[in-house]
Amino acid sequence: MPQRISDVFQVDSIVLREHNVFNGFIDNDSKLYIDPRLLSKTSVIELKNADEKVMNYFENRIKEIQIIIEIQKELKELKIKESSENYFYRPSPIYLRLENEYKEVRIEVRDKLIFSETPLAGLGYSNKGSGGKGIGWSIAWDLLDNITSFVEVGIVDPILFQLAAVFQKNIGADRISDMIISIILPELAQFSSRIAEQLNLPKADSTDINGKRYCNLPCYLNKGILLVPENILTFLPISYLWSEKDSIKHHNLELRNYMNDRMRTLFADGLTWNDIVKDKKSLQELLVEHPDMMTKLIDTYKSTKPIPYDFIKDPENLFNWHDVARFYAEKYPLNIENISDIYFINSEELLETIRVYFSQIVSWGLFKEFYNVTSVPKLKRVPKEETIALSILSELLDYHLKDSCLTVECVLKENVIELSNHDIIILKFTSSRGIIKKCHKLIIENNHANSTNSTTILFLIIVNGGKSENEIRSSFNENGKNIYIESKFFKIFFIDARW
């Protein structure tokens, strides 16, 4: 069952917010990132000079890269000179020493671009758990080479590192965030220790993080963890500065227009900025060849106002679903015992009980949580992603089955809930694109998958703008034959959630 920081430390979520502590899921990732531009805006005393520290770190890397370029230039000039004086050219001792210095400096800079993943409480980017990705030596070499190519054409702004997600393969907002975390790790540890003291949280004597020891961090499962200030987190990945989803539309429009105008002068085949950004290698080469485009990108990035995530409104539904599930779980208990007071071991009875329970609480008001309310009259209630409903259902089951012999796992990527007895629950909104084809595919797959004796339930949630129950049921009849024959191993249930 997902637990938030407020759960594991038994601290009111309002108190955490008052102390500017991000109340994320302790063991699951949340798609939020540390935006380095927000460091200068935060009121956290430990981060008073963090933005300057980050900029200085990258400024020093730029200076070292300039030294690398100078040494490389000397090597080329020396080779030309020595080869012109000797027909059978062999590098001189001076050249070899300079070449060795060049390699050593490059390795030193490369090492400073390696950032270990740093697990933070409630903040992570992995598919499972809360670990980040970090930057290893291979990506660090590529990053060094790409930054060097920009410095060679006169672009020496350290902001290049913050924009690496634009042009660097295998780097996204998550790894940029990991860079920043590694640089300000001591400050985050000080913040965490202060919060642990102020809120009287259990403390770990000493914790090793990335090879350094930190004392008095909040203690969870016998180890110290790092807390993160809310107001340095953002949902918008900086690698998509020009995307339609970016809320800073004026700057986006200006940037796209500029880039597309430049593309029209460079390419006669109608290639646009949106076409080129899909290939980071080609984009990097284009920006190096035409530095004015990179300069424009840097200027736009600097001029946009960083926006911290709104944890109160939670526009991306990162946490509200969890609060909603807890509310309904506590208000409407689920009776999962049979007349002998023994938890269900009969799969059919259990799944029928789940169906009835979920149908009831949807009709009692849960349906409202499946919609975004907009100001557009014709689109006043637009269905959210169906993963929200799946997450709520998973949390409800986890809450009510926690004392039973069954465990619940929600696999969002596959839109399924797996019970430890091998039964599977699939949830789909009838507004989902291609819902009829998806239903047919599931029916065909499950007609050939009964060897495990497990049961699959498909909850079809009827939502505004979606297919009706009659439309979907009638689609099962093909050429006079019903492709769906209800069996013990596969059942379809319709739940009306229209608003």
Protein backbone atom coordinates (compact mmCIF):
# COMPACT_ATOMS: atom_id res chain seq x y z
CA MET A 1 0.00 0.00 0.00
CA PRO A 2 1.57 3.33 -1.00
CA GLN A 3 2.50 5.40 2.03
CA ARG A 4 3.34 9.06 2.10
CA ILE A 5 5.83 10.74 4.35
CA SER A 6 2.97 11.89 6.57
CA ASP A 7 1.95 8.23 7.01
CA VAL A 8 5.30 6.76 7.97
CA PHE A 9 6.17 9.56 10.40
CA GLN A 10 2.60 10.08 11.65
CA VAL A 11 2.73 13.81 10.94
CA ASP A 12 -0.23 15.79 9.69
CA SER A 13 0.15 16.69 6.01
CA ILE A 14 -0.75 20.30 6.83
CA VAL A 15 2.17 20.47 9.29
CA LEU A 16 4.53 19.18 6.61
CA ARG A 17 3.28 21.85 4.20
CA GLU A 18 3.80 24.52 6.84
CA HIS A 19 7.43 23.37 7.03
CA ASN A 20 7.74 23.29 3.22
CA VAL A 21 8.28 19.51 3.17
CA PHE A 22 7.29 17.56 0.08
CA ASN A 23 4.82 14.89 1.21
CA GLY A 24 5.48 12.33 -1.49
CA PHE A 25 5.11 8.57 -1.58
CA ILE A 26 7.94 7.15 0.46
CA ASP A 27 8.70 4.16 -1.79
CA ASN A 28 7.18 5.15 -5.13
CA ASP A 29 8.29 7.67 -7.67
CA SER A 30 6.53 10.97 -8.28
CA LYS A 31 7.05 12.68 -11.62
CA LEU A 32 8.41 15.85 -10.10
CA TYR A 33 11.81 17.41 -10.65
CA ILE A 34 14.07 19.89 -8.93
CA ASP A 35 14.15 22.95 -11.14
CA PRO A 36 17.51 24.69 -10.60
CA ARG A 37 15.89 28.03 -11.39
CA LEU A 38 13.66 27.68 -8.33
CA LEU A 39 16.65 27.51 -5.97
CA SER A 40 16.98 31.29 -5.98
CA LYS A 41 13.27 31.66 -5.13
CA THR A 42 13.05 29.34 -2.14
CA SER A 43 12.86 30.59 1.43
CA VAL A 44 14.63 27.51 2.80
CA ILE A 45 17.56 28.87 4.81
CA GLU A 46 19.84 25.93 3.97
CA LEU A 47 19.41 26.65 0.26
CA LYS A 48 20.16 30.37 0.52
CA ASN A 49 23.22 30.13 -1.73
CA ALA A 50 22.34 26.89 -3.53
CA ASP A 51 21.65 28.53 -6.90
CA GLU A 52 25.05 30.22 -6.80
CA LYS A 53 26.67 26.92 -5.85
CA VAL A 54 25.08 25.17 -8.84
CA MET A 55 26.08 27.92 -11.26
CA ASN A 56 29.65 27.99 -9.93
CA TYR A 57 29.90 24.23 -10.36
CA PHE A 58 28.97 24.39 -14.02
CA GLU A 59 30.99 27.56 -14.65
CA ASN A 60 34.07 25.72 -13.44
CA ARG A 61 33.34 22.86 -15.82
CA ILE A 62 33.10 25.36 -18.71
CA LYS A 63 36.49 26.84 -17.73
CA GLU A 64 38.03 23.36 -17.62
CA ILE A 65 36.56 22.55 -21.02
CA GLN A 66 38.13 25.75 -22.38
CA ILE A 67 41.48 24.49 -21.09
CA ILE A 68 40.86 21.16 -22.87
CA ILE A 69 40.17 23.03 -26.11
CA GLU A 70 43.35 25.08 -25.73
CA ILE A 71 45.45 21.95 -25.15
CA GLN A 72 43.82 20.30 -28.15
CA LYS A 73 44.66 23.35 -30.25
CA GLU A 74 48.28 23.22 -29.09
CA LEU A 75 48.45 19.54 -30.00
CA LYS A 76 47.22 20.20 -33.53
CA GLU A 77 49.65 23.06 -34.05
CA LEU A 78 52.54 21.06 -32.62
CA LYS A 79 51.74 18.05 -34.81
CA ILE A 80 51.64 20.23 -37.94
CA LYS A 81 54.96 21.83 -37.01
CA GLU A 82 56.71 18.56 -36.14
CA SER A 83 55.38 16.66 -39.15
CA SER A 84 56.53 19.43 -41.50
CA GLU A 85 60.05 19.12 -40.09
CA ASN A 86 60.20 15.34 -40.19
CA TYR A 87 59.11 13.33 -43.24
CA PHE A 88 58.82 10.13 -41.18
CA TYR A 89 56.83 11.70 -38.41
CA ARG A 90 57.08 10.39 -34.89
CA PRO A 91 55.60 12.33 -31.96
CA SER A 92 58.21 14.15 -29.90
CA PRO A 93 58.46 13.74 -26.08
CA ILE A 94 56.93 17.23 -25.75
CA TYR A 95 53.95 16.19 -27.88
CA LEU A 96 53.48 12.96 -25.92
CA ARG A 97 53.55 14.79 -22.59
CA LEU A 98 51.01 17.31 -23.86
CA GLU A 99 48.84 14.50 -25.23
CA ASN A 100 48.94 12.74 -21.87
CA GLU A 101 47.96 15.98 -20.10
CA TYR A 102 45.04 16.36 -22.52
CA LYS A 103 43.76 12.87 -21.69
CA GLU A 104 44.17 13.38 -17.95
CA VAL A 105 42.30 16.70 -17.94
CA ARG A 106 39.46 15.17 -19.96
CA ILE A 107 39.17 12.29 -17.50
CA GLU A 108 39.16 14.72 -14.55
CA VAL A 109 36.33 16.74 -16.09
CA ARG A 110 34.45 13.59 -17.08
CA ASP A 111 34.61 12.40 -13.47
CA LYS A 112 33.05 15.68 -12.32
CA LEU A 113 30.12 15.02 -14.67
CA ILE A 114 29.35 11.64 -13.10
CA PHE A 115 26.46 11.94 -10.68
CA SER A 116 25.32 9.00 -8.59
CA GLU A 117 21.62 8.43 -8.15
CA THR A 118 20.38 9.78 -4.83
CA PRO A 119 17.19 8.25 -3.42
CA LEU A 120 15.02 10.99 -1.95
CA ALA A 121 11.93 10.59 0.19
CA GLY A 122 8.99 10.58 -2.20
CA LEU A 123 10.93 11.80 -5.21
CA GLY A 124 12.23 9.43 -7.85
CA TYR A 125 12.09 8.58 -11.52
CA SER A 126 12.39 4.82 -11.70
CA ASN A 127 9.60 2.50 -12.81
CA LYS A 128 9.49 0.95 -9.37
CA GLY A 129 10.76 2.32 -6.10
CA SER A 130 12.22 5.73 -5.47
CA GLY A 131 15.70 5.51 -6.97
CA GLY A 132 16.84 7.96 -9.59
CA LYS A 133 18.92 7.16 -12.65
CA GLY A 134 22.10 9.14 -12.14
CA ILE A 135 24.76 9.82 -14.78
CA GLY A 136 27.41 7.17 -15.33
CA TRP A 137 30.75 7.43 -17.07
CA SER A 138 29.37 6.63 -20.57
CA ILE A 139 26.75 9.41 -20.52
CA ALA A 140 29.30 11.71 -18.85
CA TRP A 141 31.70 11.22 -21.80
CA ASP A 142 28.91 12.07 -24.28
CA LEU A 143 27.89 15.10 -22.24
CA LEU A 144 31.49 16.32 -22.11
CA ASP A 145 31.87 15.96 -25.88
CA ASN A 146 28.59 17.73 -26.62
CA ILE A 147 29.24 20.64 -24.25
CA THR A 148 32.75 20.92 -25.71
CA SER A 149 31.29 21.26 -29.22
CA PHE A 150 29.21 24.24 -28.07
CA VAL A 151 32.11 25.89 -26.24
CA GLU A 152 34.21 25.56 -29.40
CA VAL A 153 31.73 27.74 -31.32
CA GLY A 154 31.65 30.37 -28.57
CA ILE A 155 28.69 29.30 -26.43
CA VAL A 156 30.09 29.31 -22.91
CA ASP A 157 26.98 29.87 -20.80
CA PRO A 158 26.89 27.29 -17.94
CA ILE A 159 23.12 27.08 -18.51
CA LEU A 160 24.15 24.60 -21.23
CA PHE A 161 24.24 21.90 -18.56
CA GLN A 162 20.69 22.64 -17.44
CA LEU A 163 19.55 22.38 -21.06
CA ALA A 164 21.41 19.13 -21.74
CA ALA A 165 18.07 17.31 -21.96
CA VAL A 166 17.43 19.22 -25.19
CA PHE A 167 20.39 17.86 -27.14
CA GLN A 168 21.83 14.96 -25.14
CA LYS A 169 20.66 11.41 -25.73
CA ASN A 170 19.70 9.52 -22.54
CA ILE A 171 19.39 12.72 -20.52
CA GLY A 172 15.99 14.04 -19.51
CA ALA A 173 14.60 16.19 -16.74
CA ASP A 174 15.18 13.32 -14.31
CA ARG A 175 18.94 13.24 -14.84
CA ILE A 176 19.18 17.04 -14.81
CA SER A 177 17.45 16.88 -11.44
CA ASP A 178 19.92 14.21 -10.30
CA MET A 179 22.78 16.56 -11.21
CA ILE A 180 21.33 19.33 -9.07
CA ILE A 181 20.59 16.97 -6.17
CA SER A 182 24.19 15.74 -6.12
CA ILE A 183 25.56 19.28 -6.07
CA ILE A 184 23.30 20.50 -3.25
CA LEU A 185 23.25 17.23 -1.31
CA PRO A 186 24.86 18.71 1.85
CA GLU A 187 22.24 21.48 1.92
CA LEU A 188 19.38 18.99 1.50
CA ALA A 189 20.83 16.92 4.35
CA GLN A 190 20.93 20.02 6.59
CA PHE A 191 17.32 20.81 5.69
CA SER A 192 16.28 17.22 6.49
CA SER A 193 18.09 17.24 9.83
CA ARG A 194 16.46 20.53 10.84
CA ILE A 195 12.98 19.22 9.97
CA ALA A 196 13.65 16.01 11.90
CA GLU A 197 14.57 18.11 14.95
CA GLN A 198 11.64 20.54 14.65
CA LEU A 199 9.01 17.83 14.11
CA ASN A 200 10.58 15.41 16.59
CA LEU A 201 11.00 12.68 13.98
CA PRO A 202 13.08 9.57 14.66
CA LYS A 203 16.70 10.19 13.62
CA ALA A 204 19.43 7.99 12.19
CA ASP A 205 22.81 8.37 13.88
CA SER A 206 24.79 8.24 10.65
CA THR A 207 23.88 7.59 7.02
CA ASP A 208 26.12 7.03 4.01
CA ILE A 209 24.91 8.79 0.86
CA ASN A 210 27.10 8.77 -2.23
CA GLY A 211 30.19 8.05 -0.15
CA LYS A 212 29.65 10.77 2.47
CA ARG A 213 28.32 10.47 6.01
CA TYR A 214 25.35 12.52 7.17
CA CYS A 215 24.03 12.61 10.74
CA ASN A 216 20.57 13.06 12.28
CA LEU A 217 18.56 12.51 9.10
CA PRO A 218 14.94 11.38 9.54
CA CYS A 219 15.01 7.63 10.11
CA TYR A 220 12.84 5.23 8.11
CA LEU A 221 13.37 1.45 8.16
CA ASN A 222 16.59 1.93 10.14
CA LYS A 223 18.20 4.28 7.66
CA GLY A 224 18.38 8.02 7.15
CA ILE A 225 16.39 9.59 4.33
CA LEU A 226 16.46 12.97 2.63
CA LEU A 227 13.49 15.30 2.60
CA VAL A 228 12.89 17.83 -0.16
CA PRO A 229 11.40 21.34 0.00
CA GLU A 230 8.11 21.60 -1.89
CA ASN A 231 8.83 24.93 -3.53
CA ILE A 232 11.84 23.79 -5.56
CA LEU A 233 9.86 21.09 -7.36
CA THR A 234 8.20 21.34 -10.75
CA PHE A 235 6.18 19.01 -12.95
CA LEU A 236 7.27 20.55 -16.24
CA PRO A 237 10.40 18.84 -17.59
CA ILE A 238 12.81 21.49 -18.85
CA SER A 239 13.62 19.33 -21.86
CA TYR A 240 10.23 20.26 -23.35
CA LEU A 241 10.57 24.00 -23.16
CA TRP A 242 8.74 24.51 -26.46
CA SER A 243 5.98 21.91 -26.03
CA GLU A 244 2.29 22.78 -26.14
CA LYS A 245 1.93 21.55 -22.54
CA ASP A 246 4.33 24.17 -21.25
CA SER A 247 2.28 26.82 -19.44
CA ILE A 248 4.55 29.65 -20.60
CA LYS A 249 2.87 29.87 -24.00
CA HIS A 250 4.02 33.33 -25.04
CA HIS A 251 7.67 32.40 -24.85
CA ASN A 252 6.98 29.07 -26.49
CA LEU A 253 5.25 30.70 -29.43
CA GLU A 254 8.08 33.19 -29.86
CA LEU A 255 10.68 30.43 -29.68
CA ARG A 256 8.84 28.13 -32.11
CA ASN A 257 8.31 30.94 -34.60
CA TYR A 258 11.98 31.90 -34.45
CA MET A 259 13.16 28.32 -34.84
CA ASN A 260 10.75 27.56 -37.68
CA ASP A 261 11.77 30.74 -39.54
CA ARG A 262 15.42 29.68 -39.26
CA MET A 263 14.56 26.15 -40.40
CA ARG A 264 12.82 27.52 -43.49
CA THR A 265 15.95 29.44 -44.46
CA LEU A 266 18.15 26.38 -43.88
CA PHE A 267 16.08 23.60 -45.41
CA ALA A 268 14.05 23.60 -48.59
CA ASP A 269 12.15 20.39 -47.79
CA GLY A 270 9.86 21.98 -45.20
CA LEU A 271 11.60 20.50 -42.16
CA THR A 272 10.29 22.12 -38.98
CA TRP A 273 11.58 22.55 -35.45
CA ASN A 274 9.10 19.92 -34.22
CA ASP A 275 10.58 17.44 -36.71
CA ILE A 276 14.18 17.95 -35.65
CA VAL A 277 13.66 17.87 -31.87
CA LYS A 278 12.70 14.21 -32.10
CA ASP A 279 16.30 13.33 -33.00
CA LYS A 280 18.62 14.70 -30.31
CA LYS A 281 21.80 13.87 -32.24
CA SER A 282 20.63 15.76 -35.32
CA LEU A 283 19.40 18.61 -33.15
CA GLN A 284 22.75 18.88 -31.38
CA GLU A 285 24.58 19.04 -34.72
CA LEU A 286 22.14 21.69 -35.99
CA LEU A 287 22.57 23.86 -32.89
CA VAL A 288 26.37 23.65 -33.10
CA GLU A 289 26.33 24.52 -36.79
CA HIS A 290 23.97 27.44 -36.17
CA PRO A 291 24.87 28.82 -32.69
CA ASP A 292 22.28 31.61 -32.94
CA MET A 293 19.57 28.97 -32.49
CA MET A 294 21.19 27.69 -29.31
CA THR A 295 21.60 31.24 -28.06
CA LYS A 296 17.90 31.86 -28.68
CA LEU A 297 17.04 28.70 -26.78
CA ILE A 298 19.20 29.78 -23.83
CA ASP A 299 17.70 33.28 -23.80
CA THR A 300 14.16 31.85 -23.85
CA TYR A 301 14.97 29.47 -21.02
CA LYS A 302 16.39 32.29 -18.92
CA SER A 303 13.42 34.57 -19.58
CA THR A 304 10.75 32.03 -18.65
CA LYS A 305 9.50 32.19 -15.10
CA PRO A 306 10.04 28.92 -13.22
CA ILE A 307 6.78 27.60 -11.82
CA PRO A 308 6.77 25.36 -8.74
CA TYR A 309 4.19 22.59 -8.66
CA ASP A 310 0.83 23.53 -7.13
CA PHE A 311 0.44 20.89 -4.44
CA ILE A 312 -2.87 22.31 -3.24
CA LYS A 313 -4.69 22.06 -6.59
CA ASP A 314 -2.57 19.09 -7.73
CA PRO A 315 -3.39 19.68 -11.43
CA GLU A 316 -1.65 16.48 -12.59
CA ASN A 317 -3.50 14.30 -10.05
CA LEU A 318 -0.28 13.06 -8.54
CA PHE A 319 -1.62 12.80 -4.99
CA ASN A 320 -5.33 13.69 -4.85
CA TRP A 321 -6.32 10.20 -5.97
CA HIS A 322 -4.60 8.78 -2.88
CA ASP A 323 -6.48 11.11 -0.54
CA VAL A 324 -9.75 10.27 -2.29
CA ALA A 325 -9.12 6.52 -2.02
CA ARG A 326 -8.33 6.82 1.70
CA PHE A 327 -11.52 8.85 2.27
CA TYR A 328 -13.77 6.27 0.58
CA ALA A 329 -11.96 3.32 2.14
CA GLU A 330 -12.50 4.69 5.65
CA LYS A 331 -16.07 5.86 5.01
CA TYR A 332 -17.25 2.69 3.25
CA PRO A 333 -15.78 -0.52 4.72
CA LEU A 334 -15.51 -3.60 2.53
CA ASN A 335 -16.69 -6.83 4.13
CA ILE A 336 -14.39 -9.54 2.80
CA GLU A 337 -15.23 -12.24 5.31
CA ASN A 338 -17.53 -15.18 4.74
CA ILE A 339 -19.98 -16.56 7.30
CA SER A 340 -17.18 -18.49 8.99
CA ASP A 341 -15.25 -15.26 9.65
CA ILE A 342 -12.45 -16.50 7.42
CA TYR A 343 -11.10 -14.29 4.68
CA PHE A 344 -12.23 -15.26 1.20
CA ILE A 345 -10.20 -17.92 -0.47
CA ASN A 346 -12.89 -18.46 -3.08
CA SER A 347 -11.82 -16.39 -6.06
CA GLU A 348 -15.29 -16.09 -7.56
CA GLU A 349 -16.84 -14.84 -4.31
CA LEU A 350 -14.06 -12.34 -3.73
CA LEU A 351 -14.22 -10.84 -7.22
CA GLU A 352 -18.02 -10.57 -7.04
CA THR A 353 -17.70 -8.78 -3.70
CA ILE A 354 -15.17 -6.37 -5.20
CA ARG A 355 -17.49 -5.72 -8.17
CA VAL A 356 -20.46 -4.90 -5.97
CA TYR A 357 -18.41 -2.73 -3.62
CA PHE A 358 -16.74 -0.71 -6.39
CA SER A 359 -20.02 -0.24 -8.28
CA GLN A 360 -21.69 1.06 -5.14
CA ILE A 361 -19.08 3.63 -4.14
CA VAL A 362 -18.81 4.84 -7.73
CA SER A 363 -22.56 5.53 -7.67
CA TRP A 364 -22.27 7.11 -4.19
CA GLY A 365 -19.99 9.88 -5.47
CA LEU A 366 -16.64 8.39 -6.49
CA PHE A 367 -17.59 8.96 -10.16
CA LYS A 368 -16.86 12.68 -9.70
CA GLU A 369 -13.18 11.89 -9.19
CA PHE A 370 -12.96 10.44 -12.71
CA TYR A 371 -13.41 13.89 -14.31
CA ASN A 372 -11.60 17.16 -14.78
CA VAL A 373 -13.97 20.10 -14.48
CA THR A 374 -13.24 22.73 -17.15
CA SER A 375 -14.54 26.22 -17.88
CA VAL A 376 -15.46 25.27 -21.46
CA PRO A 377 -19.28 24.78 -21.61
CA LYS A 378 -19.22 21.86 -24.08
CA LEU A 379 -16.34 20.19 -22.24
CA LYS A 380 -17.41 20.98 -18.70
CA ARG A 381 -16.62 17.48 -17.43
CA VAL A 382 -13.80 15.71 -19.25
CA PRO A 383 -12.70 12.21 -18.16
CA LYS A 384 -9.27 12.01 -16.58
CA GLU A 385 -6.77 9.33 -17.48
CA GLU A 386 -8.19 5.92 -16.61
CA THR A 387 -5.05 5.23 -14.57
CA ILE A 388 -6.52 7.54 -11.90
CA ALA A 389 -9.51 5.23 -11.45
CA LEU A 390 -7.24 2.19 -11.51
CA SER A 391 -4.98 3.71 -8.82
CA ILE A 392 -7.99 4.52 -6.63
CA LEU A 393 -9.35 0.98 -6.97
CA SER A 394 -5.93 -0.49 -6.20
CA GLU A 395 -5.60 1.63 -3.06
CA LEU A 396 -9.11 0.66 -1.93
CA LEU A 397 -8.31 -3.04 -2.31
CA ASP A 398 -4.91 -2.65 -0.68
CA TYR A 399 -6.52 -0.91 2.28
CA HIS A 400 -9.21 -3.54 2.80
CA LEU A 401 -7.07 -6.62 2.04
CA LYS A 402 -4.05 -5.57 4.11
CA ASP A 403 -4.92 -8.00 6.91
CA SER A 404 -5.77 -10.89 4.61
CA CYS A 405 -3.56 -13.45 2.94
CA LEU A 406 -3.85 -11.54 -0.34
CA THR A 407 -1.60 -8.80 -1.64
CA VAL A 408 -2.38 -6.27 -4.33
CA GLU A 409 -0.07 -4.91 -7.02
CA CYS A 410 -1.07 -2.14 -9.40
CA VAL A 411 0.77 -2.25 -12.73
CA LEU A 412 -0.05 1.12 -14.27
CA LYS A 413 1.90 0.52 -17.46
CA GLU A 414 -0.36 -2.42 -18.26
CA ASN A 415 -3.49 -0.90 -16.67
CA VAL A 416 -4.04 -3.96 -14.48
CA ILE A 417 -4.32 -4.88 -10.81
CA GLU A 418 -2.80 -8.24 -9.92
CA LEU A 419 -3.92 -10.15 -6.83
CA SER A 420 -1.53 -12.63 -5.26
CA ASN A 421 -3.98 -15.48 -6.02
CA HIS A 422 -3.26 -14.72 -9.73
CA ASP A 423 -6.62 -13.07 -10.39
CA ILE A 424 -6.40 -9.95 -12.54
CA ILE A 425 -8.55 -6.82 -12.67
CA ILE A 426 -8.43 -4.66 -15.79
CA LEU A 427 -10.08 -1.23 -15.82
CA LYS A 428 -10.97 0.71 -18.96
CA PHE A 429 -12.93 3.89 -19.60
CA THR A 430 -15.44 3.57 -22.44
CA SER A 431 -14.04 6.86 -23.75
CA SER A 432 -10.67 5.20 -24.32
CA ARG A 433 -9.60 5.42 -27.95
CA GLY A 434 -10.31 2.17 -29.78
CA ILE A 435 -12.14 0.73 -26.77
CA ILE A 436 -14.12 -1.79 -28.85
CA LYS A 437 -10.97 -3.19 -30.47
CA LYS A 438 -9.32 -3.36 -27.06
CA CYS A 439 -12.26 -5.31 -25.68
CA HIS A 440 -12.19 -7.75 -28.60
CA LYS A 441 -8.44 -8.26 -28.12
CA LEU A 442 -8.88 -9.00 -24.41
CA ILE A 443 -11.68 -11.47 -25.13
CA ILE A 444 -9.61 -13.35 -27.71
CA GLU A 445 -6.52 -13.39 -25.48
CA ASN A 446 -8.44 -14.69 -22.48
CA ASN A 447 -10.24 -17.36 -24.50
CA HIS A 448 -6.82 -18.96 -24.92
CA ALA A 449 -5.41 -18.31 -21.45
CA ASN A 450 -7.30 -20.49 -19.00
CA SER A 451 -4.48 -22.84 -18.06
CA THR A 452 -3.75 -21.09 -14.74
CA ASN A 453 -7.39 -21.27 -13.59
CA SER A 454 -7.11 -17.58 -12.67
CA THR A 455 -9.95 -15.17 -13.39
CA THR A 456 -9.71 -11.89 -15.25
CA ILE A 457 -12.29 -9.19 -14.61
CA LEU A 458 -12.70 -6.29 -17.03
CA PHE A 459 -14.34 -3.24 -15.48
CA LEU A 460 -15.72 -1.06 -18.27
CA ILE A 461 -16.39 2.33 -16.73
CA ILE A 462 -19.08 4.18 -18.71
CA VAL A 463 -18.03 7.85 -18.76
CA ASN A 464 -19.17 11.04 -20.48
CA GLY A 465 -18.38 10.97 -24.17
CA GLY A 466 -17.65 7.25 -24.15
CA LYS A 467 -19.29 4.30 -25.87
CA SER A 468 -22.52 3.09 -24.32
CA GLU A 469 -23.00 -0.37 -22.86
CA ASN A 470 -25.31 -1.31 -25.77
CA GLU A 471 -22.73 -0.20 -28.36
CA ILE A 472 -20.01 -2.34 -26.81
CA ARG A 473 -22.25 -5.37 -26.21
CA SER A 474 -23.57 -5.28 -29.78
CA SER A 475 -20.00 -5.19 -31.09
CA PHE A 476 -19.45 -8.66 -29.63
CA ASN A 477 -21.76 -10.09 -32.30
CA GLU A 478 -19.75 -10.62 -35.45
CA ASN A 479 -21.32 -12.42 -38.41
CA GLY A 480 -24.10 -13.66 -36.17
CA LYS A 481 -21.64 -15.13 -33.67
CA ASN A 482 -21.07 -13.80 -30.16
CA ILE A 483 -17.30 -13.62 -29.64
CA TYR A 484 -17.80 -13.13 -25.91
CA ILE A 485 -19.19 -16.02 -23.95
CA GLU A 486 -18.98 -15.31 -20.23
CA SER A 487 -16.94 -17.93 -18.43
CA LYS A 488 -15.50 -18.54 -15.02
CA PHE A 489 -12.16 -17.24 -16.22
CA PHE A 490 -13.17 -13.98 -17.91
CA LYS A 491 -15.96 -11.60 -16.93
CA ILE A 492 -16.94 -8.14 -18.13
CA PHE A 493 -18.74 -5.73 -15.82
CA PHE A 494 -20.13 -2.32 -16.79
CA ILE A 495 -20.09 0.43 -14.18
CA ASP A 496 -22.01 3.62 -14.89
CA ALA A 497 -19.89 6.65 -13.92
CA ARG A 498 -21.55 9.28 -16.09
CA TRP A 499 -21.88 12.73 -14.58
